[in-house]
Structures are given as structure tokens and as C-alpha cells.
Protein backbone atom coordinates (compact mmCIF):
# COMPACT_ATOMS: atom_id res chain seq x y z
CA MET A 1 3.95 -24.79 -16.29
CA THR A 2 7.61 -22.97 -16.07
CA SER A 3 7.28 -21.31 -19.74
CA PRO A 4 7.57 -17.52 -19.58
CA ASN A 5 5.27 -17.40 -22.49
CA ASN A 6 2.09 -18.36 -20.40
CA PRO A 7 -0.31 -16.00 -19.32
CA PRO A 8 0.16 -15.37 -15.21
CA TRP A 9 -2.12 -17.36 -13.08
CA SER A 10 -1.21 -19.77 -10.25
CA GLY A 11 1.33 -22.73 -11.37
CA ARG A 12 2.55 -20.25 -14.02
CA GLY A 13 5.78 -19.10 -13.44
CA PRO A 14 9.80 -19.90 -12.99
CA ALA A 15 11.11 -22.59 -10.68
CA ASN A 16 11.66 -21.37 -6.91
CA SER A 17 9.17 -18.53 -7.30
CA VAL A 18 5.85 -18.27 -6.13
CA SER A 19 2.53 -17.66 -8.51
CA TYR A 20 -0.67 -16.23 -7.37
CA ALA A 21 -4.65 -16.61 -7.82
CA THR A 22 -5.28 -13.27 -6.62
CA ASP A 23 -9.11 -13.43 -7.54
CA LEU A 24 -11.94 -16.13 -7.12
CA LEU A 25 -12.42 -18.60 -9.83
CA ASN A 26 -16.00 -19.60 -11.16
CA ALA A 27 -17.15 -22.23 -13.76
CA SER A 28 -15.24 -20.47 -16.50
CA PHE A 29 -11.90 -21.54 -14.88
CA THR A 30 -10.98 -25.07 -16.71
CA ASP A 31 -7.48 -25.48 -15.78
CA VAL A 32 -8.47 -28.02 -13.15
CA VAL A 33 -11.88 -29.87 -13.34
CA THR A 34 -12.91 -28.49 -9.96
CA PRO A 35 -10.87 -25.88 -7.89
CA ASN A 36 -12.80 -24.14 -4.75
CA SER A 37 -14.82 -20.83 -5.39
CA ASP A 38 -13.59 -19.54 -1.64
CA THR A 39 -10.17 -20.24 -2.03
CA LEU A 40 -7.24 -18.56 -3.31
CA TYR A 41 -4.10 -20.73 -4.86
CA CYS A 42 -0.53 -20.50 -4.75
CA GLN A 43 1.80 -22.74 -6.40
CA THR A 44 5.55 -23.26 -6.50
CA GLN A 45 7.30 -25.78 -8.79
CA PHE A 46 10.73 -26.61 -6.77
CA ASP A 47 13.83 -27.22 -8.36
CA LEU A 48 15.96 -28.43 -5.83
CA ARG A 49 18.84 -30.41 -8.26
CA ASN A 50 21.43 -27.83 -6.94
CA GLU A 51 20.59 -26.68 -3.62
CA PRO A 52 17.68 -26.56 -1.20
CA VAL A 53 14.82 -23.70 -1.43
CA VAL A 54 13.62 -22.05 1.95
CA PHE A 55 9.82 -21.34 2.20
CA VAL A 56 8.53 -18.74 4.63
CA VAL A 57 4.86 -19.11 6.19
CA PRO A 58 3.48 -16.24 7.70
CA PRO A 59 1.45 -16.65 10.99
CA ILE A 60 -2.30 -17.25 9.85
CA SER A 61 -4.51 -17.50 12.72
CA ASP A 62 -7.89 -15.97 11.48
CA ARG A 63 -8.96 -18.39 8.32
CA TYR A 64 -8.02 -21.77 6.92
CA TYR A 65 -5.13 -22.56 4.95
CA SER A 66 -3.27 -25.75 3.76
CA PHE A 67 0.43 -26.04 2.49
CA GLN A 68 0.56 -29.26 -0.10
CA PHE A 69 4.06 -30.60 -0.70
CA LEU A 70 3.84 -33.19 -3.94
CA ASP A 71 6.99 -34.44 -5.23
CA ALA A 72 7.69 -35.29 -8.80
CA TYR A 73 4.99 -38.25 -8.66
CA THR A 74 2.22 -36.17 -7.06
CA ASN A 75 2.68 -38.27 -3.86
CA ASP A 76 2.06 -35.88 -0.84
CA TYR A 77 5.43 -35.74 1.45
CA ALA A 78 4.39 -32.83 3.57
CA TYR A 79 1.40 -30.81 5.11
CA LEU A 80 1.41 -27.85 6.65
CA GLY A 81 -1.80 -25.82 7.85
CA GLN A 82 -4.43 -24.83 10.18
CA ARG A 83 -5.42 -28.29 11.49
CA ALA A 84 -1.89 -29.85 10.88
CA SER A 85 0.50 -27.59 12.10
CA GLY A 86 -1.82 -24.58 13.70
CA GLY A 87 -1.13 -21.01 12.56
CA ASN A 88 1.83 -19.66 14.12
CA GLY A 89 4.17 -20.26 11.03
CA GLY A 90 7.53 -21.25 10.49
CA THR A 91 10.65 -21.28 7.99
CA TYR A 92 10.92 -24.31 6.27
CA LEU A 93 14.22 -25.58 4.12
CA ILE A 94 12.62 -27.79 1.16
CA ALA A 95 15.45 -29.94 0.51
CA GLY A 96 15.87 -33.20 -2.62
CA PRO A 97 17.16 -36.29 -2.02
CA ASP A 98 21.12 -35.67 -2.49
CA TRP A 99 21.27 -32.83 -0.45
CA ASN A 100 22.90 -33.41 2.85
CA GLY A 101 23.95 -29.87 4.33
CA GLN A 102 23.34 -28.38 7.86
CA VAL A 103 20.18 -27.27 8.17
CA PRO A 104 20.37 -24.09 9.83
CA GLU A 105 18.74 -22.69 13.28
CA GLY A 106 15.49 -21.87 13.25
CA MET A 107 14.24 -23.91 10.19
CA THR A 108 12.37 -26.97 9.73
CA LYS A 109 13.34 -29.50 7.10
CA ILE A 110 11.43 -30.79 5.02
CA TRP A 111 12.68 -33.73 2.69
CA THR A 112 11.30 -34.71 -0.57
CA LEU A 113 12.34 -37.97 -2.39
CA THR A 114 12.51 -36.29 -5.72
CA ASN A 115 14.40 -32.94 -6.80
CA LEU A 116 11.64 -31.58 -8.79
CA ALA A 117 8.40 -31.02 -6.46
CA ARG A 118 5.80 -29.08 -6.23
CA LEU A 119 3.94 -26.91 -3.38
CA ILE A 120 0.05 -26.09 -3.50
CA THR A 121 -1.39 -23.31 -1.05
CA ARG A 122 -5.12 -22.67 -0.67
CA THR A 123 -6.16 -19.88 2.33
CA LEU A 124 -10.22 -19.43 2.93
CA VAL A 125 -11.98 -16.37 1.33
CA LYS A 126 -14.40 -15.65 3.45
CA SER A 127 -16.41 -13.19 0.97
CA PRO A 128 -15.67 -11.50 -2.15
CA ALA A 129 -15.01 -8.60 -0.10
CA ASP A 130 -12.31 -10.44 1.75
CA VAL A 131 -10.17 -10.95 -1.37
CA ALA A 132 -7.67 -8.24 -0.83
CA ASN A 133 -6.99 -9.62 2.77
CA VAL A 134 -5.86 -12.90 1.32
CA ASN A 135 -4.14 -10.97 -1.47
CA ALA A 136 -2.14 -9.21 1.43
CA ILE A 137 -1.24 -12.78 3.41
CA GLN A 138 -0.01 -13.95 -0.19
CA ASP A 139 2.18 -10.82 -0.97
CA LEU A 140 5.64 -11.63 -1.59
CA ARG A 141 6.98 -9.82 1.68
CA PRO A 142 9.60 -11.20 4.30
CA THR A 143 6.71 -11.81 6.49
CA ASN A 144 4.52 -13.59 4.23
CA TYR A 145 4.40 -16.23 1.15
CA LYS A 146 8.08 -16.38 0.42
CA THR A 147 10.61 -18.45 -1.49
CA ARG A 148 13.95 -17.66 -1.41
CA GLN A 149 16.58 -19.74 -3.34
CA ARG A 150 19.55 -21.12 -0.88
CA LEU A 151 22.59 -18.98 -2.19
CA ALA A 152 25.67 -20.21 -0.17
CA ILE A 153 24.39 -23.24 2.05
CA SER A 154 25.13 -26.47 -0.35
CA SER A 155 25.54 -29.99 0.29
CA ASN A 156 29.33 -29.31 0.38
CA ASP A 157 29.74 -26.18 1.99
CA THR A 158 27.69 -25.27 5.12
CA SER A 159 30.30 -22.71 6.31
CA ASN A 160 28.43 -19.72 5.09
CA GLN A 161 24.94 -19.83 6.07
CA LYS A 162 23.64 -16.79 4.11
CA TYR A 163 20.49 -16.96 2.63
């Protein structure tokens, strides 16, 4: 899934980066058994062995969306979305079992039992004409879905909180 030789699509890309499906799926798609035909997907493979990852969720109030966090054994360990957490968005620190640093102000810690984890996001597409609107929500801008590797906060050094 993280090989650079795989063709681009949701779930294919380097660790700690978001990969997107930018078009609706149909019956010709066979990577998974039954993807939703009215949903665009994003996936992230988290590698938390060295440090946590920051994930920014934008405010999304006009449509259904979900963020399903899975550990290395595919157990759900957290869930964000329209029904679970509202449409306000937020900044989340995704941390593995060995990290014990200080969570920066304004971030919510999401802790996983395994250092390798996964995030699957689903965002409703209201019609084929709505795909571009969902692509804009998915776009990697500071106000939208974004994964940032923690650069200066580690389990041993919380004095420099840049990220």
C-alpha cells in the first residue's frame, strides 16, 4: 500500500500522508468488495514509531463525513464525524503507545495501541456535479484535511513545540 510503484489512489502512498480518491467508484473498482458509490475516500497509513502525527479536520457542516481510525489489527480505536463529533473540525495529535510527550494546547490526543495504524475517511457526494466540492474539502490546504509529521515534539523533548 505504501509502495511508490503502486498507481495513485486512496490508500496508496507513503506513510503519514493522505491519499485521495477524487472520482466516484463504480462496479469496475475491485480493490475492496463494496465501496459506496456516493462517497469519496481518503486513507492515511500512520507510522508512529518515532513520533506522533498531527491531523487537522476542517469544519464540515453541509454533508455527512466520517473518520475511522484503525490500529494494526484493524480494531477501531477512534471515530470522528458528523454524528460522532459534529461538524466543527479540530486538530488531533495521533500518538502511538510509546509516546509520552505533552499535547500542545489546542490539540486533542487520539491514542492507539499500535505504532502502525490507519485512517479511512469517507465524505458524502450529493450528486456527480458535487464531486468538485468534495475534492475542495479534501484538498491539502492548511484549513482542510492535512497530516503533518511532528518535527520537534518527541517523547523525550517537549521544550520546542514547533510542528
